[in-house]
Amino acid sequence: MTDFIYQDLRRQIINNTLHRDQRLVETQLANKYNVNKFHVNKALQMLERDHLVKHVDMKGYFVVGIDKNDMYEIAKIREMLENAIISDFLINASQEEIEEVKLFTQRKIAFLKAGLKGEAFKETSATFDVIYSCSPYHRMVEMLTKYKEYIDVMITKAFDGPDDVNKTIENSTLLYHVFDKRDCELLQKWIHIRYLNAVNKIDQQVHEKNTNNSF
């Protein structure tokens, strides 16, 4: 039960359902999850280790969440690590593995054109699962996995609006050519576009949050 509470609160913090500096009252959470406070307290301690909440003496636990600068840093980390990991994949992957990620990318483009955003997102995840599983850079993969939920939020946000979907189709087509040609230079172009898209999404989220808070 502790793990369920931990995962549920973690998801809410990352998705900004629970806001920065919001107090997490253990008694209320225990009632919500229909458990004793022991499970809630253990879950909050786990979140504190993840730096997602903080404990203030005599006041309790508060959401730390993730701010704009954190998001920028995560996006930059992703750009650097994915460049190294995917470059290695292009050089050393078997042709069978290359064909597999090409198929996932083709399917993603088809789903996007059909308006099936959820299915397209699954193909993105499947593509990176193959790439990461082939990578010798285990520490890098661990770091990307650690930030996966934050990155998923950014990717999901990127599917909002027809213009963004069209850009996603364009970027996915570029990625297909990266795999097809095993072109590391072209990869750097795709990686940087991916980084800029993430930064733009972060700025949009911050602007929307500030606009909403002003009312």
C-alpha atoms as a PDB file:
ATOM      1  CA  MET A   1       0.000   0.000   0.000  1.00  0.00           C
ATOM      2  CA  THR A   2       2.894   2.345   0.740  1.00  0.00           C
ATOM      3  CA  ASP A   3       4.201   1.988  -2.802  1.00  0.00           C
ATOM      4  CA  PHE A   4       0.778   2.746  -4.281  1.00  0.00           C
ATOM      5  CA  ILE A   5       0.488   5.948  -2.219  1.00  0.00           C
ATOM      6  CA  TYR A   6       4.036   6.923  -3.176  1.00  0.00           C
ATOM      7  CA  GLN A   7       3.426   6.375  -6.902  1.00  0.00           C
ATOM      8  CA  ASP A   8       0.063   8.158  -6.841  1.00  0.00           C
ATOM      9  CA  LEU A   9       1.403  11.221  -5.014  1.00  0.00           C
ATOM     10  CA  ARG A  10       4.499  11.250  -7.225  1.00  0.00           C
ATOM     11  CA  ARG A  11       2.327  11.267 -10.341  1.00  0.00           C
ATOM     12  CA  GLN A  12       0.183  14.113  -8.970  1.00  0.00           C
ATOM     13  CA  ILE A  13       3.258  16.189  -8.109  1.00  0.00           C
ATOM     14  CA  ILE A  14       4.862  15.661 -11.504  1.00  0.00           C
ATOM     15  CA  ASN A  15       1.616  16.459 -13.320  1.00  0.00           C
ATOM     16  CA  ASN A  16       1.236  19.565 -11.146  1.00  0.00           C
ATOM     17  CA  THR A  17      -2.072  18.326  -9.696  1.00  0.00           C
ATOM     18  CA  LEU A  18      -0.408  18.907  -6.337  1.00  0.00           C
ATOM     19  CA  HIS A  19       1.137  22.361  -6.484  1.00  0.00           C
ATOM     20  CA  ARG A  20       4.463  23.667  -5.237  1.00  0.00           C
ATOM     21  CA  ASP A  21       4.371  24.609  -1.500  1.00  0.00           C
ATOM     22  CA  GLN A  22       1.047  22.795  -1.012  1.00  0.00           C
ATOM     23  CA  ARG A  23       0.886  21.151   2.406  1.00  0.00           C
ATOM     24  CA  LEU A  24       0.345  17.383   2.517  1.00  0.00           C
ATOM     25  CA  VAL A  25      -1.628  16.601   5.676  1.00  0.00           C
ATOM     26  CA  GLU A  26      -0.952  13.027   6.768  1.00  0.00           C
ATOM     27  CA  THR A  27      -4.334  12.549   8.468  1.00  0.00           C
ATOM     28  CA  GLN A  28      -6.204  13.703   5.370  1.00  0.00           C
ATOM     29  CA  LEU A  29      -4.102  11.470   3.113  1.00  0.00           C
ATOM     30  CA  ALA A  30      -4.642   8.486   5.426  1.00  0.00           C
ATOM     31  CA  ASN A  31      -8.400   9.016   5.183  1.00  0.00           C
ATOM     32  CA  LYS A  32      -8.224   9.455   1.424  1.00  0.00           C
ATOM     33  CA  TYR A  33      -6.331   6.191   0.894  1.00  0.00           C
ATOM     34  CA  ASN A  34      -8.142   4.418   3.739  1.00  0.00           C
ATOM     35  CA  VAL A  35      -4.914   3.426   5.487  1.00  0.00           C
ATOM     36  CA  ASN A  36      -3.166   4.261   8.748  1.00  0.00           C
ATOM     37  CA  LYS A  37      -0.709   7.136   8.909  1.00  0.00           C
ATOM     38  CA  PHE A  38       2.287   4.778   8.934  1.00  0.00           C
ATOM     39  CA  HIS A  39       1.860   4.025   5.190  1.00  0.00           C
ATOM     40  CA  VAL A  40       1.389   7.710   4.374  1.00  0.00           C
ATOM     41  CA  ASN A  41       4.442   8.728   6.376  1.00  0.00           C
ATOM     42  CA  LYS A  42       6.632   6.120   4.665  1.00  0.00           C
ATOM     43  CA  ALA A  43       5.402   7.270   1.251  1.00  0.00           C
ATOM     44  CA  LEU A  44       6.169  10.904   2.121  1.00  0.00           C
ATOM     45  CA  GLN A  45       9.666   9.927   3.274  1.00  0.00           C
ATOM     46  CA  MET A  46      10.220   8.220  -0.102  1.00  0.00           C
ATOM     47  CA  LEU A  47       9.052  11.365  -1.905  1.00  0.00           C
ATOM     48  CA  GLU A  48      11.403  13.424   0.252  1.00  0.00           C
ATOM     49  CA  ARG A  49      14.306  11.244  -0.907  1.00  0.00           C
ATOM     50  CA  ASP A  50      13.232  12.052  -4.478  1.00  0.00           C
ATOM     51  CA  HIS A  51      13.323  15.760  -3.540  1.00  0.00           C
ATOM     52  CA  LEU A  52       9.660  16.074  -4.498  1.00  0.00           C
ATOM     53  CA  VAL A  53       8.492  17.008  -0.994  1.00  0.00           C
ATOM     54  CA  LYS A  54      10.183  18.560   2.017  1.00  0.00           C
ATOM     55  CA  HIS A  55       9.563  18.179   5.739  1.00  0.00           C
ATOM     56  CA  VAL A  56       9.347  21.338   7.835  1.00  0.00           C
ATOM     57  CA  ASP A  57       9.677  20.891  11.615  1.00  0.00           C
ATOM     58  CA  MET A  58       6.412  21.428  13.479  1.00  0.00           C
ATOM     59  CA  LYS A  59       4.543  22.018  10.199  1.00  0.00           C
ATOM     60  CA  GLY A  60       4.698  18.777   8.233  1.00  0.00           C
ATOM     61  CA  TYR A  61       5.340  17.923   4.586  1.00  0.00           C
ATOM     62  CA  PHE A  62       5.095  20.338   1.663  1.00  0.00           C
ATOM     63  CA  VAL A  63       5.304  19.810  -2.093  1.00  0.00           C
ATOM     64  CA  VAL A  64       8.604  20.865  -3.642  1.00  0.00           C
ATOM     65  CA  GLY A  65       7.686  19.751  -7.137  1.00  0.00           C
ATOM     66  CA  ILE A  66       9.708  20.933 -10.061  1.00  0.00           C
ATOM     67  CA  ASP A  67      10.303  24.506 -11.210  1.00  0.00           C
ATOM     68  CA  LYS A  68      11.208  26.057 -14.563  1.00  0.00           C
ATOM     69  CA  ASN A  69      14.962  25.861 -14.028  1.00  0.00           C
ATOM     70  CA  ASP A  70      14.697  22.173 -13.100  1.00  0.00           C
ATOM     71  CA  MET A  71      12.787  21.538 -16.322  1.00  0.00           C
ATOM     72  CA  TYR A  72      15.405  23.384 -18.378  1.00  0.00           C
ATOM     73  CA  GLU A  73      18.133  21.301 -16.747  1.00  0.00           C
ATOM     74  CA  ILE A  74      16.284  18.045 -17.393  1.00  0.00           C
ATOM     75  CA  ALA A  75      15.750  19.018 -21.036  1.00  0.00           C
ATOM     76  CA  LYS A  76      19.473  19.790 -21.414  1.00  0.00           C
ATOM     77  CA  ILE A  77      20.464  16.524 -19.733  1.00  0.00           C
ATOM     78  CA  ARG A  78      18.145  14.668 -22.075  1.00  0.00           C
ATOM     79  CA  GLU A  79      19.681  16.392 -25.117  1.00  0.00           C
ATOM     80  CA  MET A  80      23.232  15.429 -24.140  1.00  0.00           C
ATOM     81  CA  LEU A  81      22.513  11.875 -23.003  1.00  0.00           C
ATOM     82  CA  GLU A  82      20.185  10.944 -25.839  1.00  0.00           C
ATOM     83  CA  ASN A  83      22.709  12.248 -28.366  1.00  0.00           C
ATOM     84  CA  ALA A  84      25.358   9.874 -26.991  1.00  0.00           C
ATOM     85  CA  ILE A  85      22.993   6.914 -26.589  1.00  0.00           C
ATOM     86  CA  ILE A  86      21.271   7.165 -29.979  1.00  0.00           C
ATOM     87  CA  SER A  87      24.580   7.846 -31.784  1.00  0.00           C
ATOM     88  CA  ASP A  88      25.935   4.628 -30.318  1.00  0.00           C
ATOM     89  CA  PHE A  89      22.754   2.837 -31.370  1.00  0.00           C
ATOM     90  CA  LEU A  90      23.076   4.048 -34.967  1.00  0.00           C
ATOM     91  CA  ILE A  91      26.649   2.820 -35.150  1.00  0.00           C
ATOM     92  CA  ASN A  92      26.335  -0.519 -33.360  1.00  0.00           C
ATOM     93  CA  ALA A  93      22.711  -1.706 -33.640  1.00  0.00           C
ATOM     94  CA  SER A  94      21.915  -4.713 -35.778  1.00  0.00           C
ATOM     95  CA  GLN A  95      19.917  -4.151 -38.938  1.00  0.00           C
ATOM     96  CA  GLU A  96      17.033  -5.986 -37.309  1.00  0.00           C
ATOM     97  CA  GLU A  97      17.014  -3.477 -34.443  1.00  0.00           C
ATOM     98  CA  ILE A  98      17.188  -0.581 -36.901  1.00  0.00           C
ATOM     99  CA  GLU A  99      14.225  -1.961 -38.845  1.00  0.00           C
ATOM    100  CA  GLU A 100      12.288  -2.331 -35.601  1.00  0.00           C
ATOM    101  CA  VAL A 101      12.665   1.336 -34.607  1.00  0.00           C
ATOM    102  CA  LYS A 102      11.935   2.438 -38.179  1.00  0.00           C
ATOM    103  CA  LEU A 103       8.666   0.497 -38.009  1.00  0.00           C
ATOM    104  CA  PHE A 104       7.744   2.089 -34.674  1.00  0.00           C
ATOM    105  CA  THR A 105       8.467   5.530 -36.134  1.00  0.00           C
ATOM    106  CA  GLN A 106       6.396   4.851 -39.243  1.00  0.00           C
ATOM    107  CA  ARG A 107       3.511   3.688 -37.088  1.00  0.00           C
ATOM    108  CA  LYS A 108       3.809   6.779 -34.896  1.00  0.00           C
ATOM    109  CA  ILE A 109       3.518   9.039 -37.946  1.00  0.00           C
ATOM    110  CA  ALA A 110       0.487   7.078 -39.181  1.00  0.00           C
ATOM    111  CA  PHE A 111      -1.218   7.333 -35.785  1.00  0.00           C
ATOM    112  CA  LEU A 112      -0.542  11.069 -35.608  1.00  0.00           C
ATOM    113  CA  LYS A 113      -2.048  11.616 -39.044  1.00  0.00           C
ATOM    114  CA  ALA A 114      -5.099   9.623 -37.931  1.00  0.00           C
ATOM    115  CA  GLY A 115      -5.439  11.746 -34.785  1.00  0.00           C
ATOM    116  CA  LEU A 116      -4.624   8.825 -32.480  1.00  0.00           C
ATOM    117  CA  LYS A 117      -2.280  10.683 -30.145  1.00  0.00           C
ATOM    118  CA  GLY A 118      -2.311   8.089 -27.374  1.00  0.00           C
ATOM    119  CA  GLU A 119      -1.290   5.325 -29.758  1.00  0.00           C
ATOM    120  CA  ALA A 120       1.411   7.552 -31.235  1.00  0.00           C
ATOM    121  CA  PHE A 121       2.836   8.157 -27.777  1.00  0.00           C
ATOM    122  CA  LYS A 122       3.083   4.383 -27.208  1.00  0.00           C
ATOM    123  CA  GLU A 123       5.158   4.044 -30.364  1.00  0.00           C
ATOM    124  CA  THR A 124       7.535   6.747 -29.087  1.00  0.00           C
ATOM    125  CA  SER A 125       7.987   4.828 -25.830  1.00  0.00           C
ATOM    126  CA  ALA A 126       8.533   1.562 -27.710  1.00  0.00           C
ATOM    127  CA  THR A 127      11.194   3.193 -29.899  1.00  0.00           C
ATOM    128  CA  PHE A 128      13.205   4.404 -26.937  1.00  0.00           C
ATOM    129  CA  ASP A 129      12.768   1.106 -25.090  1.00  0.00           C
ATOM    130  CA  VAL A 130      14.612  -0.606 -27.961  1.00  0.00           C
ATOM    131  CA  ILE A 131      17.327   2.052 -28.123  1.00  0.00           C
ATOM    132  CA  TYR A 132      17.923   2.106 -24.361  1.00  0.00           C
ATOM    133  CA  SER A 133      17.999  -1.690 -24.116  1.00  0.00           C
ATOM    134  CA  CYS A 134      20.823  -1.754 -26.682  1.00  0.00           C
ATOM    135  CA  SER A 135      22.893   0.944 -24.991  1.00  0.00           C
ATOM    136  CA  PRO A 136      26.105   0.196 -23.063  1.00  0.00           C
ATOM    137  CA  TYR A 137      25.697   3.544 -21.289  1.00  0.00           C
ATOM    138  CA  HIS A 138      23.765   2.130 -18.374  1.00  0.00           C
ATOM    139  CA  ARG A 139      24.267   5.140 -16.105  1.00  0.00           C
ATOM    140  CA  MET A 140      22.919   7.456 -18.799  1.00  0.00           C
ATOM    141  CA  VAL A 141      19.902   5.232 -19.310  1.00  0.00           C
ATOM    142  CA  GLU A 142      19.288   5.212 -15.557  1.00  0.00           C
ATOM    143  CA  MET A 143      19.311   9.019 -15.497  1.00  0.00           C
ATOM    144  CA  LEU A 144      16.902   9.248 -18.420  1.00  0.00           C
ATOM    145  CA  THR A 145      14.663   6.666 -16.769  1.00  0.00           C
ATOM    146  CA  LYS A 146      14.725   8.697 -13.565  1.00  0.00           C
ATOM    147  CA  TYR A 147      13.479  11.746 -15.442  1.00  0.00           C
ATOM    148  CA  LYS A 148      11.123   9.754 -17.697  1.00  0.00           C
ATOM    149  CA  GLU A 149       7.948  10.951 -16.002  1.00  0.00           C
ATOM    150  CA  TYR A 150       8.947  14.595 -16.407  1.00  0.00           C
ATOM    151  CA  ILE A 151       9.899  13.990 -20.022  1.00  0.00           C
ATOM    152  CA  ASP A 152       6.613  12.154 -20.664  1.00  0.00           C
ATOM    153  CA  VAL A 153       4.713  15.187 -19.385  1.00  0.00           C
ATOM    154  CA  MET A 154       6.587  17.392 -21.869  1.00  0.00           C
ATOM    155  CA  ILE A 155       5.981  14.958 -24.737  1.00  0.00           C
ATOM    156  CA  THR A 156       2.273  14.656 -23.912  1.00  0.00           C
ATOM    157  CA  LYS A 157       1.957  18.455 -23.786  1.00  0.00           C
ATOM    158  CA  ALA A 158       3.589  18.613 -27.214  1.00  0.00           C
ATOM    159  CA  PHE A 159       0.606  16.790 -28.744  1.00  0.00           C
ATOM    160  CA  ASP A 160      -1.760  19.659 -27.878  1.00  0.00           C
ATOM    161  CA  GLY A 161      -3.071  21.587 -30.869  1.00  0.00           C
ATOM    162  CA  PRO A 162      -2.979  20.824 -34.613  1.00  0.00           C
ATOM    163  CA  ASP A 163       0.143  22.914 -35.262  1.00  0.00           C
ATOM    164  CA  ASP A 164       2.105  20.946 -32.691  1.00  0.00           C
ATOM    165  CA  VAL A 165       0.904  17.639 -34.133  1.00  0.00           C
ATOM    166  CA  ASN A 166       2.096  18.710 -37.574  1.00  0.00           C
ATOM    167  CA  LYS A 167       5.483  19.632 -36.115  1.00  0.00           C
ATOM    168  CA  THR A 168       5.612  16.269 -34.366  1.00  0.00           C
ATOM    169  CA  ILE A 169       4.934  14.507 -37.669  1.00  0.00           C
ATOM    170  CA  GLU A 170       7.722  16.532 -39.288  1.00  0.00           C
ATOM    171  CA  ASN A 171      10.156  15.726 -36.474  1.00  0.00           C
ATOM    172  CA  SER A 172       9.184  12.047 -36.522  1.00  0.00           C
ATOM    173  CA  THR A 173       9.808  11.920 -40.260  1.00  0.00           C
ATOM    174  CA  LEU A 174      13.254  13.403 -39.646  1.00  0.00           C
ATOM    175  CA  LEU A 175      13.892  10.713 -37.015  1.00  0.00           C
ATOM    176  CA  TYR A 176      12.899   8.017 -39.511  1.00  0.00           C
ATOM    177  CA  HIS A 177      15.578   9.325 -41.913  1.00  0.00           C
ATOM    178  CA  VAL A 178      18.072   9.296 -39.024  1.00  0.00           C
ATOM    179  CA  PHE A 179      17.425   5.578 -38.530  1.00  0.00           C
ATOM    180  CA  ASP A 180      17.203   4.788 -42.234  1.00  0.00           C
ATOM    181  CA  LYS A 181      20.519   6.458 -43.054  1.00  0.00           C
ATOM    182  CA  ARG A 182      22.196   5.809 -39.679  1.00  0.00           C
ATOM    183  CA  ASP A 183      23.182   9.457 -39.882  1.00  0.00           C
ATOM    184  CA  CYS A 184      24.728  10.829 -36.658  1.00  0.00           C
ATOM    185  CA  GLU A 185      24.951  14.386 -38.018  1.00  0.00           C
ATOM    186  CA  LEU A 186      21.264  14.367 -38.883  1.00  0.00           C
ATOM    187  CA  LEU A 187      20.623  12.962 -35.408  1.00  0.00           C
ATOM    188  CA  GLN A 188      22.191  16.060 -33.831  1.00  0.00           C
ATOM    189  CA  LYS A 189      19.718  18.212 -35.760  1.00  0.00           C
ATOM    190  CA  TRP A 190      16.777  16.100 -34.531  1.00  0.00           C
ATOM    191  CA  ILE A 191      18.074  16.084 -30.948  1.00  0.00           C
ATOM    192  CA  HIS A 192      18.412  19.871 -30.917  1.00  0.00           C
ATOM    193  CA  ILE A 193      14.907  20.362 -32.345  1.00  0.00           C
ATOM    194  CA  ARG A 194      13.647  18.031 -29.616  1.00  0.00           C
ATOM    195  CA  TYR A 195      15.435  20.153 -26.997  1.00  0.00           C
ATOM    196  CA  LEU A 196      14.045  23.420 -28.375  1.00  0.00           C
ATOM    197  CA  ASN A 197      10.530  21.934 -28.418  1.00  0.00           C
ATOM    198  CA  ALA A 198      10.922  20.964 -24.767  1.00  0.00           C
ATOM    199  CA  VAL A 199      12.099  24.467 -23.823  1.00  0.00           C
ATOM    200  CA  ASN A 200       9.162  26.024 -25.675  1.00  0.00           C
ATOM    201  CA  LYS A 201       6.752  23.729 -23.838  1.00  0.00           C
ATOM    202  CA  ILE A 202       8.304  24.622 -20.493  1.00  0.00           C
ATOM    203  CA  ASP A 203       7.903  28.334 -21.258  1.00  0.00           C
ATOM    204  CA  GLN A 204       4.276  27.789 -22.298  1.00  0.00           C
ATOM    205  CA  GLN A 205       3.509  25.873 -19.100  1.00  0.00           C
ATOM    206  CA  VAL A 206       5.079  28.601 -16.957  1.00  0.00           C
ATOM    207  CA  HIS A 207       3.166  31.309 -18.840  1.00  0.00           C
ATOM    208  CA  GLU A 208      -0.131  29.416 -18.468  1.00  0.00           C
ATOM    209  CA  LYS A 209       0.499  28.874 -14.771  1.00  0.00           C
ATOM    210  CA  ASN A 210       1.310  32.559 -14.203  1.00  0.00           C
ATOM    211  CA  THR A 211      -1.775  33.609 -16.191  1.00  0.00           C
ATOM    212  CA  ASN A 212      -4.028  31.283 -14.188  1.00  0.00           C
ATOM    213  CA  ASN A 213      -2.556  32.485 -10.884  1.00  0.00           C
ATOM    214  CA  SER A 214      -3.231  36.110 -11.829  1.00  0.00           C
ATOM    215  CA  PHE A 215      -7.008  35.584 -11.862  1.00  0.00           C
END
